[in-house]
Amino acid sequence: MTPFLEVERRGAIAILRMDRADSLNAIGTLEDCDNIVDTLFALGNDRSVHAAILTGKGRAFCSGGNIKGIRDRVGIGPLDQPDSTRANYRRGVQRTTRAMLDCEIPIIAAINGHAIGLGLDLACLCDMRIAAKSAKMAASFIKVGIVPGDGGAWTLQQIVGYSKAAELFLTGDSFDADYAKSIGLVGEVVEDDALMDAALALAGRIAANPVRALRLTKRLLREGQKGDSDQVLELSAAFQAIVHETGDHIEAVTAILEKRRPVFTGG
């Protein structure tokens, strides 16, 4: 079996493609979850990666969990007993959620097609979202009689607010890319054949900046979601003390004073 994520490097940008087009990129096994976690960990340890794009192969971004696996009680969903199922969720999809939240690389979701259930939540775990015009989305766990076991009840309302998240989860209704933009779920909607160019353009604007400051800024943004201003202030002071000593900060200040473009090296 090929890894769930195919990784392509374009300079300082990593493109992560979910490689299960035959199943609409459904996440079906613990090995799929492990591959996502391991890939993010490896990229996080590579300082030459400044930004990443997550997208799907074929006509879907990610169709969620594997319905046949749910029926047959194999894979990432229910097992033989409730305590086993609880452990399975913590071991599988929730590990993936934690890895996405812990990853300090800025990640753009390029939503190329269906993003359903777990697939929508995976897009929400990214820092920014761009959608192809034909993309369809749904927080549709309720339609199969379950709850969002991956933490999506927290993630989605961070983006669209409680009331709209409640509407999407409690109805399970599907919606298109233009509606997703109208509620702030995606930042941009583009023609299908322009999706990757748009994602690469945004990633390039991000990747042009100093990598250490990028990663610590993302960490501050994630901590800010928790609503503890005192903790964010303390971390801001600590992180600022770190980046003031970096070579890229010194280069940025020097370049401004010398009226030239900076040349960042990751130092």
C-alpha atoms as a PDB file:
ATOM      1  CA  MET A   1       0.000   0.000   0.000  1.00  0.00           C
ATOM      2  CA  THR A   2       1.336   3.425  -0.923  1.00  0.00           C
ATOM      3  CA  PRO A   3       1.578   6.068   1.826  1.00  0.00           C
ATOM      4  CA  PHE A   4      -1.615   8.046   2.368  1.00  0.00           C
ATOM      5  CA  LEU A   5       0.227  11.311   1.684  1.00  0.00           C
ATOM      6  CA  GLU A   6       2.362  11.853  -1.385  1.00  0.00           C
ATOM      7  CA  VAL A   7       4.925  14.596  -0.719  1.00  0.00           C
ATOM      8  CA  GLU A   8       6.257  16.906  -3.427  1.00  0.00           C
ATOM      9  CA  ARG A   9       8.760  19.674  -2.734  1.00  0.00           C
ATOM     10  CA  ARG A  10       8.830  22.942  -4.631  1.00  0.00           C
ATOM     11  CA  GLY A  11      11.608  24.877  -3.009  1.00  0.00           C
ATOM     12  CA  ALA A  12      10.503  25.915   0.472  1.00  0.00           C
ATOM     13  CA  ILE A  13       6.939  24.657  -0.142  1.00  0.00           C
ATOM     14  CA  ALA A  14       5.780  21.074   0.510  1.00  0.00           C
ATOM     15  CA  ILE A  15       2.717  19.842  -1.391  1.00  0.00           C
ATOM     16  CA  LEU A  16       0.910  17.018   0.426  1.00  0.00           C
ATOM     17  CA  ARG A  17      -1.498  15.057  -1.759  1.00  0.00           C
ATOM     18  CA  MET A  18      -3.897  12.523  -0.265  1.00  0.00           C
ATOM     19  CA  ASP A  19      -3.361   9.489  -2.473  1.00  0.00           C
ATOM     20  CA  ARG A  20      -6.536   7.406  -2.264  1.00  0.00           C
ATOM     21  CA  ALA A  21      -8.415   8.674  -5.305  1.00  0.00           C
ATOM     22  CA  ASP A  22     -10.243   5.353  -5.747  1.00  0.00           C
ATOM     23  CA  SER A  23     -11.972   5.880  -2.381  1.00  0.00           C
ATOM     24  CA  LEU A  24     -12.295   9.681  -2.708  1.00  0.00           C
ATOM     25  CA  ASN A  25      -9.331   9.991  -0.324  1.00  0.00           C
ATOM     26  CA  ALA A  26     -11.249   8.553   2.607  1.00  0.00           C
ATOM     27  CA  ILE A  27      -9.119   7.928   5.685  1.00  0.00           C
ATOM     28  CA  GLY A  28      -9.724   4.273   6.462  1.00  0.00           C
ATOM     29  CA  THR A  29      -6.893   2.776   8.497  1.00  0.00           C
ATOM     30  CA  LEU A  30      -4.672   3.500  11.440  1.00  0.00           C
ATOM     31  CA  GLU A  31      -1.786   3.321   8.984  1.00  0.00           C
ATOM     32  CA  ASP A  32      -3.305   6.269   7.091  1.00  0.00           C
ATOM     33  CA  CYS A  33      -3.394   8.252  10.326  1.00  0.00           C
ATOM     34  CA  ASP A  34       0.152   7.206  11.206  1.00  0.00           C
ATOM     35  CA  ASN A  35       1.389   8.356   7.814  1.00  0.00           C
ATOM     36  CA  ILE A  36      -0.164  11.810   8.271  1.00  0.00           C
ATOM     37  CA  VAL A  37       1.367  12.114  11.741  1.00  0.00           C
ATOM     38  CA  ASP A  38       4.798  10.886  10.641  1.00  0.00           C
ATOM     39  CA  THR A  39       4.824  13.120   7.568  1.00  0.00           C
ATOM     40  CA  LEU A  40       3.993  16.234   9.571  1.00  0.00           C
ATOM     41  CA  PHE A  41       6.639  15.338  12.162  1.00  0.00           C
ATOM     42  CA  ALA A  42       9.314  14.862   9.488  1.00  0.00           C
ATOM     43  CA  LEU A  43       8.440  18.106   7.731  1.00  0.00           C
ATOM     44  CA  GLY A  44       8.372  19.938  11.049  1.00  0.00           C
ATOM     45  CA  ASN A  45      11.950  18.865  11.683  1.00  0.00           C
ATOM     46  CA  ASP A  46      13.034  20.217   8.293  1.00  0.00           C
ATOM     47  CA  ARG A  47      13.799  23.929   8.593  1.00  0.00           C
ATOM     48  CA  SER A  48      13.905  24.274   4.814  1.00  0.00           C
ATOM     49  CA  VAL A  49      10.095  23.848   4.737  1.00  0.00           C
ATOM     50  CA  HIS A  50       8.432  27.236   5.146  1.00  0.00           C
ATOM     51  CA  ALA A  51       4.873  26.389   4.081  1.00  0.00           C
ATOM     52  CA  ALA A  52       2.751  23.413   3.017  1.00  0.00           C
ATOM     53  CA  ILE A  53      -0.317  22.766   0.861  1.00  0.00           C
ATOM     54  CA  LEU A  54      -2.723  19.904   1.605  1.00  0.00           C
ATOM     55  CA  THR A  55      -4.902  18.675  -1.248  1.00  0.00           C
ATOM     56  CA  GLY A  56      -6.410  15.488  -2.665  1.00  0.00           C
ATOM     57  CA  LYS A  57      -5.801  13.446  -5.771  1.00  0.00           C
ATOM     58  CA  GLY A  58      -8.671  12.868  -8.160  1.00  0.00           C
ATOM     59  CA  ARG A  59     -12.073  14.509  -7.737  1.00  0.00           C
ATOM     60  CA  ALA A  60     -12.182  14.747  -3.929  1.00  0.00           C
ATOM     61  CA  PHE A  61     -10.273  16.533  -1.221  1.00  0.00           C
ATOM     62  CA  CYS A  62     -11.245  13.942   1.397  1.00  0.00           C
ATOM     63  CA  SER A  63     -14.598  12.178   1.685  1.00  0.00           C
ATOM     64  CA  GLY A  64     -14.117  11.520   5.403  1.00  0.00           C
ATOM     65  CA  GLY A  65     -13.983   8.115   7.041  1.00  0.00           C
ATOM     66  CA  ASN A  66     -14.424   4.828   5.220  1.00  0.00           C
ATOM     67  CA  ILE A  67     -18.114   3.898   5.409  1.00  0.00           C
ATOM     68  CA  LYS A  68     -17.492   0.219   4.655  1.00  0.00           C
ATOM     69  CA  GLY A  69     -14.939   0.107   7.456  1.00  0.00           C
ATOM     70  CA  ILE A  70     -17.492   1.634   9.826  1.00  0.00           C
ATOM     71  CA  ARG A  71     -20.051  -0.992   8.812  1.00  0.00           C
ATOM     72  CA  ASP A  72     -17.564  -3.849   9.181  1.00  0.00           C
ATOM     73  CA  ARG A  73     -16.049  -2.439  12.398  1.00  0.00           C
ATOM     74  CA  VAL A  74     -12.495  -2.329  11.076  1.00  0.00           C
ATOM     75  CA  GLY A  75     -10.117   0.570  10.639  1.00  0.00           C
ATOM     76  CA  ILE A  76     -10.383   3.912  12.414  1.00  0.00           C
ATOM     77  CA  GLY A  77     -13.990   3.720  13.638  1.00  0.00           C
ATOM     78  CA  PRO A  78     -16.016   1.361  15.832  1.00  0.00           C
ATOM     79  CA  LEU A  79     -14.545  -1.908  17.103  1.00  0.00           C
ATOM     80  CA  ASP A  80     -16.030  -4.710  19.205  1.00  0.00           C
ATOM     81  CA  GLN A  81     -16.763  -2.766  22.407  1.00  0.00           C
ATOM     82  CA  PRO A  82     -17.238   0.925  23.355  1.00  0.00           C
ATOM     83  CA  ASP A  83     -13.964   1.102  25.312  1.00  0.00           C
ATOM     84  CA  SER A  84     -12.084  -0.314  22.326  1.00  0.00           C
ATOM     85  CA  THR A  85     -13.771   2.191  20.007  1.00  0.00           C
ATOM     86  CA  ARG A  86     -12.830   5.080  22.314  1.00  0.00           C
ATOM     87  CA  ALA A  87      -9.204   3.950  22.340  1.00  0.00           C
ATOM     88  CA  ASN A  88      -9.297   3.536  18.563  1.00  0.00           C
ATOM     89  CA  TYR A  89     -10.415   7.123  18.020  1.00  0.00           C
ATOM     90  CA  ARG A  90      -7.733   8.416  20.364  1.00  0.00           C
ATOM     91  CA  ARG A  91      -5.116   6.256  18.675  1.00  0.00           C
ATOM     92  CA  GLY A  92      -6.159   7.174  15.117  1.00  0.00           C
ATOM     93  CA  VAL A  93      -8.031  10.274  13.994  1.00  0.00           C
ATOM     94  CA  GLN A  94      -7.448  12.200  17.221  1.00  0.00           C
ATOM     95  CA  ARG A  95      -3.701  11.630  16.880  1.00  0.00           C
ATOM     96  CA  THR A  96      -4.014  13.140  13.421  1.00  0.00           C
ATOM     97  CA  THR A  97      -5.894  16.130  14.833  1.00  0.00           C
ATOM     98  CA  ARG A  98      -3.227  16.704  17.480  1.00  0.00           C
ATOM     99  CA  ALA A  99      -0.450  16.438  14.898  1.00  0.00           C
ATOM    100  CA  MET A 100      -2.158  19.043  12.706  1.00  0.00           C
ATOM    101  CA  LEU A 101      -2.621  21.387  15.658  1.00  0.00           C
ATOM    102  CA  ASP A 102       0.961  20.875  16.862  1.00  0.00           C
ATOM    103  CA  CYS A 103       2.542  21.343  13.431  1.00  0.00           C
ATOM    104  CA  GLU A 104       4.173  24.784  13.277  1.00  0.00           C
ATOM    105  CA  ILE A 105       4.414  24.856   9.471  1.00  0.00           C
ATOM    106  CA  PRO A 106       1.733  27.127   7.944  1.00  0.00           C
ATOM    107  CA  ILE A 107      -0.620  24.801   6.021  1.00  0.00           C
ATOM    108  CA  ILE A 108      -3.022  25.786   3.235  1.00  0.00           C
ATOM    109  CA  ALA A 109      -5.916  23.473   2.366  1.00  0.00           C
ATOM    110  CA  ALA A 110      -6.471  23.437  -1.396  1.00  0.00           C
ATOM    111  CA  ILE A 111      -9.992  21.974  -1.450  1.00  0.00           C
ATOM    112  CA  ASN A 112     -10.191  20.438  -4.905  1.00  0.00           C
ATOM    113  CA  GLY A 113     -13.463  18.534  -4.490  1.00  0.00           C
ATOM    114  CA  HIS A 114     -15.639  16.893  -1.857  1.00  0.00           C
ATOM    115  CA  ALA A 115     -14.618  17.661   1.756  1.00  0.00           C
ATOM    116  CA  ILE A 116     -17.071  15.683   3.858  1.00  0.00           C
ATOM    117  CA  GLY A 117     -17.188  14.922   7.600  1.00  0.00           C
ATOM    118  CA  LEU A 118     -13.659  14.094   8.687  1.00  0.00           C
ATOM    119  CA  GLY A 119     -12.482  15.557   5.380  1.00  0.00           C
ATOM    120  CA  LEU A 120     -14.005  18.947   6.174  1.00  0.00           C
ATOM    121  CA  ASP A 121     -12.523  18.828   9.663  1.00  0.00           C
ATOM    122  CA  LEU A 122      -9.117  18.067   8.154  1.00  0.00           C
ATOM    123  CA  ALA A 123      -9.418  21.201   6.001  1.00  0.00           C
ATOM    124  CA  CYS A 124     -10.432  23.179   9.099  1.00  0.00           C
ATOM    125  CA  LEU A 125      -7.247  22.062  10.848  1.00  0.00           C
ATOM    126  CA  CYS A 126      -5.251  23.857   8.185  1.00  0.00           C
ATOM    127  CA  ASP A 127      -4.437  27.527   8.737  1.00  0.00           C
ATOM    128  CA  MET A 128      -5.994  28.790   5.494  1.00  0.00           C
ATOM    129  CA  ARG A 129      -8.382  27.344   2.937  1.00  0.00           C
ATOM    130  CA  ILE A 130      -8.808  27.925  -0.796  1.00  0.00           C
ATOM    131  CA  ALA A 131     -11.591  26.072  -2.611  1.00  0.00           C
ATOM    132  CA  ALA A 132     -12.182  25.089  -6.203  1.00  0.00           C
ATOM    133  CA  LYS A 133     -15.516  26.412  -7.468  1.00  0.00           C
ATOM    134  CA  SER A 134     -16.884  22.864  -7.868  1.00  0.00           C
ATOM    135  CA  ALA A 135     -15.986  21.801  -4.306  1.00  0.00           C
ATOM    136  CA  LYS A 136     -18.759  20.478  -2.061  1.00  0.00           C
ATOM    137  CA  MET A 137     -18.557  20.350   1.720  1.00  0.00           C
ATOM    138  CA  ALA A 138     -20.555  19.013   4.637  1.00  0.00           C
ATOM    139  CA  ALA A 139     -20.215  18.524   8.384  1.00  0.00           C
ATOM    140  CA  SER A 140     -22.336  15.446   7.897  1.00  0.00           C
ATOM    141  CA  PHE A 141     -21.635  13.148  10.853  1.00  0.00           C
ATOM    142  CA  ILE A 142     -25.267  13.477  11.960  1.00  0.00           C
ATOM    143  CA  LYS A 143     -26.404  11.958   8.656  1.00  0.00           C
ATOM    144  CA  VAL A 144     -24.850   8.634   9.651  1.00  0.00           C
ATOM    145  CA  GLY A 145     -25.978   8.904  13.272  1.00  0.00           C
ATOM    146  CA  ILE A 146     -22.637   9.764  14.859  1.00  0.00           C
ATOM    147  CA  VAL A 147     -20.840  12.790  16.331  1.00  0.00           C
ATOM    148  CA  PRO A 148     -17.604  14.416  15.143  1.00  0.00           C
ATOM    149  CA  GLY A 149     -15.162  12.133  16.949  1.00  0.00           C
ATOM    150  CA  ASP A 150     -12.101  13.907  15.560  1.00  0.00           C
ATOM    151  CA  GLY A 151     -12.481  17.183  17.486  1.00  0.00           C
ATOM    152  CA  GLY A 152     -14.329  19.000  14.720  1.00  0.00           C
ATOM    153  CA  ALA A 153     -16.880  20.379  17.189  1.00  0.00           C
ATOM    154  CA  TRP A 154     -14.067  22.585  18.518  1.00  0.00           C
ATOM    155  CA  THR A 155     -12.261  23.286  15.243  1.00  0.00           C
ATOM    156  CA  LEU A 156     -15.153  24.415  13.047  1.00  0.00           C
ATOM    157  CA  GLN A 157     -16.559  26.913  15.530  1.00  0.00           C
ATOM    158  CA  GLN A 158     -13.107  28.492  15.854  1.00  0.00           C
ATOM    159  CA  ILE A 159     -13.521  29.486  12.208  1.00  0.00           C
ATOM    160  CA  VAL A 160     -17.225  30.245  11.708  1.00  0.00           C
ATOM    161  CA  GLY A 161     -18.476  30.799  15.269  1.00  0.00           C
ATOM    162  CA  TYR A 162     -20.727  28.684  17.475  1.00  0.00           C
ATOM    163  CA  SER A 163     -24.084  29.401  15.869  1.00  0.00           C
ATOM    164  CA  LYS A 164     -23.020  28.645  12.297  1.00  0.00           C
ATOM    165  CA  ALA A 165     -21.031  25.574  13.376  1.00  0.00           C
ATOM    166  CA  ALA A 166     -24.110  24.321  15.247  1.00  0.00           C
ATOM    167  CA  GLU A 167     -26.227  24.788  12.116  1.00  0.00           C
ATOM    168  CA  LEU A 168     -23.749  22.896   9.923  1.00  0.00           C
ATOM    169  CA  PHE A 169     -23.278  20.009  12.366  1.00  0.00           C
ATOM    170  CA  LEU A 170     -26.914  19.652  13.437  1.00  0.00           C
ATOM    171  CA  THR A 171     -28.368  19.736   9.925  1.00  0.00           C
ATOM    172  CA  GLY A 172     -25.536  17.923   8.179  1.00  0.00           C
ATOM    173  CA  ASP A 173     -26.461  19.868   5.053  1.00  0.00           C
ATOM    174  CA  SER A 174     -24.016  20.013   2.170  1.00  0.00           C
ATOM    175  CA  PHE A 175     -22.966  23.369   0.737  1.00  0.00           C
ATOM    176  CA  ASP A 176     -20.864  24.729  -2.085  1.00  0.00           C
ATOM    177  CA  ALA A 177     -17.641  26.727  -2.207  1.00  0.00           C
ATOM    178  CA  ASP A 178     -19.342  30.116  -2.592  1.00  0.00           C
ATOM    179  CA  TYR A 179     -21.393  29.502   0.560  1.00  0.00           C
ATOM    180  CA  ALA A 180     -18.236  28.396   2.373  1.00  0.00           C
ATOM    181  CA  LYS A 181     -16.641  31.724   1.446  1.00  0.00           C
ATOM    182  CA  SER A 182     -19.699  33.694   2.557  1.00  0.00           C
ATOM    183  CA  ILE A 183     -19.424  32.262   6.101  1.00  0.00           C
ATOM    184  CA  GLY A 184     -15.649  32.689   6.293  1.00  0.00           C
ATOM    185  CA  LEU A 185     -14.844  28.990   6.060  1.00  0.00           C
ATOM    186  CA  VAL A 186     -12.663  29.487   2.993  1.00  0.00           C
ATOM    187  CA  GLY A 187     -10.763  32.618   2.107  1.00  0.00           C
ATOM    188  CA  GLU A 188     -10.898  32.329  -1.671  1.00  0.00           C
ATOM    189  CA  VAL A 189     -12.852  30.468  -4.352  1.00  0.00           C
ATOM    190  CA  VAL A 190     -11.191  29.958  -7.719  1.00  0.00           C
ATOM    191  CA  GLU A 191     -11.864  28.105 -10.938  1.00  0.00           C
ATOM    192  CA  ASP A 192     -10.982  24.427 -10.658  1.00  0.00           C
ATOM    193  CA  ASP A 193      -7.975  24.628 -12.964  1.00  0.00           C
ATOM    194  CA  ALA A 194      -6.574  27.625 -11.047  1.00  0.00           C
ATOM    195  CA  LEU A 195      -6.664  26.027  -7.581  1.00  0.00           C
ATOM    196  CA  MET A 196      -3.071  24.872  -7.293  1.00  0.00           C
ATOM    197  CA  ASP A 197      -1.723  28.084  -8.802  1.00  0.00           C
ATOM    198  CA  ALA A 198      -3.681  30.091  -6.226  1.00  0.00           C
ATOM    199  CA  ALA A 199      -2.484  27.876  -3.371  1.00  0.00           C
ATOM    200  CA  LEU A 200       1.126  28.068  -4.565  1.00  0.00           C
ATOM    201  CA  ALA A 201       0.897  31.843  -4.878  1.00  0.00           C
ATOM    202  CA  LEU A 202      -0.310  32.167  -1.281  1.00  0.00           C
ATOM    203  CA  ALA A 203       2.254  29.648  -0.058  1.00  0.00           C
ATOM    204  CA  GLY A 204       4.970  31.554  -1.897  1.00  0.00           C
ATOM    205  CA  ARG A 205       4.038  34.818  -0.178  1.00  0.00           C
ATOM    206  CA  ILE A 206       4.280  33.025   3.160  1.00  0.00           C
ATOM    207  CA  ALA A 207       7.458  31.104   2.337  1.00  0.00           C
ATOM    208  CA  ALA A 208       9.273  34.322   1.422  1.00  0.00           C
ATOM    209  CA  ASN A 209       9.409  35.220   5.121  1.00  0.00           C
ATOM    210  CA  PRO A 210      11.881  34.072   7.826  1.00  0.00           C
ATOM    211  CA  VAL A 211      11.116  30.463   8.752  1.00  0.00           C
ATOM    212  CA  ARG A 212      11.702  30.747  12.507  1.00  0.00           C
ATOM    213  CA  ALA A 213       9.408  33.753  12.816  1.00  0.00           C
ATOM    214  CA  LEU A 214       6.805  32.007  10.646  1.00  0.00           C
ATOM    215  CA  ARG A 215       6.651  28.961  12.861  1.00  0.00           C
ATOM    216  CA  LEU A 216       6.592  30.854  16.139  1.00  0.00           C
ATOM    217  CA  THR A 217       3.894  33.188  14.801  1.00  0.00           C
ATOM    218  CA  LYS A 218       1.737  30.183  13.944  1.00  0.00           C
ATOM    219  CA  ARG A 219       2.288  28.785  17.437  1.00  0.00           C
ATOM    220  CA  LEU A 220       1.127  32.103  18.944  1.00  0.00           C
ATOM    221  CA  LEU A 221      -1.976  32.056  16.743  1.00  0.00           C
ATOM    222  CA  ARG A 222      -2.826  28.517  17.882  1.00  0.00           C
ATOM    223  CA  GLU A 223      -2.317  29.441  21.533  1.00  0.00           C
ATOM    224  CA  GLY A 224      -4.505  32.503  20.963  1.00  0.00           C
ATOM    225  CA  GLN A 225      -7.384  30.199  19.988  1.00  0.00           C
ATOM    226  CA  LYS A 226      -7.453  28.945  23.559  1.00  0.00           C
ATOM    227  CA  GLY A 227      -8.483  32.374  24.776  1.00  0.00           C
ATOM    228  CA  ASP A 228      -5.838  32.786  27.505  1.00  0.00           C
ATOM    229  CA  SER A 229      -4.407  36.271  26.958  1.00  0.00           C
ATOM    230  CA  ASP A 230      -1.934  36.007  29.852  1.00  0.00           C
ATOM    231  CA  GLN A 231      -0.395  32.863  28.359  1.00  0.00           C
ATOM    232  CA  VAL A 232      -0.192  34.440  24.902  1.00  0.00           C
ATOM    233  CA  LEU A 233       1.489  37.539  26.330  1.00  0.00           C
ATOM    234  CA  GLU A 234       4.076  35.413  28.128  1.00  0.00           C
ATOM    235  CA  LEU A 235       4.737  33.331  25.023  1.00  0.00           C
ATOM    236  CA  SER A 236       4.916  36.465  22.874  1.00  0.00           C
ATOM    237  CA  ALA A 237       7.667  37.888  25.052  1.00  0.00           C
ATOM    238  CA  ALA A 238       9.558  34.574  25.083  1.00  0.00           C
ATOM    239  CA  PHE A 239       9.250  34.023  21.331  1.00  0.00           C
ATOM    240  CA  GLN A 240      10.210  37.626  20.627  1.00  0.00           C
ATOM    241  CA  ALA A 241      13.372  37.155  22.685  1.00  0.00           C
ATOM    242  CA  ILE A 242      14.207  34.160  20.485  1.00  0.00           C
ATOM    243  CA  VAL A 243      13.618  35.753  17.080  1.00  0.00           C
ATOM    244  CA  HIS A 244      15.453  38.970  17.985  1.00  0.00           C
ATOM    245  CA  GLU A 245      18.619  36.843  18.059  1.00  0.00           C
ATOM    246  CA  THR A 246      18.114  35.213  14.652  1.00  0.00           C
ATOM    247  CA  GLY A 247      20.191  36.027  11.614  1.00  0.00           C
ATOM    248  CA  ASP A 248      17.068  36.562   9.521  1.00  0.00           C
ATOM    249  CA  HIS A 249      15.818  39.273  11.881  1.00  0.00           C
ATOM    250  CA  ILE A 250      19.151  41.062  11.705  1.00  0.00           C
ATOM    251  CA  GLU A 251      19.126  40.720   7.900  1.00  0.00           C
ATOM    252  CA  ALA A 252      15.572  42.117   7.710  1.00  0.00           C
ATOM    253  CA  VAL A 253      16.438  45.195   9.771  1.00  0.00           C
ATOM    254  CA  THR A 254      19.661  45.752   7.824  1.00  0.00           C
ATOM    255  CA  ALA A 255      17.885  45.418   4.489  1.00  0.00           C
ATOM    256  CA  ILE A 256      15.250  47.991   5.505  1.00  0.00           C
ATOM    257  CA  LEU A 257      17.925  50.473   6.555  1.00  0.00           C
ATOM    258  CA  GLU A 258      19.935  49.824   3.374  1.00  0.00           C
ATOM    259  CA  LYS A 259      16.791  50.056   1.203  1.00  0.00           C
ATOM    260  CA  ARG A 260      17.226  46.638  -0.442  1.00  0.00           C
ATOM    261  CA  ARG A 261      15.456  43.276  -0.534  1.00  0.00           C
ATOM    262  CA  PRO A 262      16.409  40.963   2.339  1.00  0.00           C
ATOM    263  CA  VAL A 263      18.068  37.606   1.724  1.00  0.00           C
ATOM    264  CA  PHE A 264      16.860  35.124   4.340  1.00  0.00           C
ATOM    265  CA  THR A 265      18.854  31.980   5.088  1.00  0.00           C
ATOM    266  CA  GLY A 266      16.868  30.423   7.921  1.00  0.00           C
ATOM    267  CA  GLY A 267      19.425  31.474  10.500  1.00  0.00           C
END
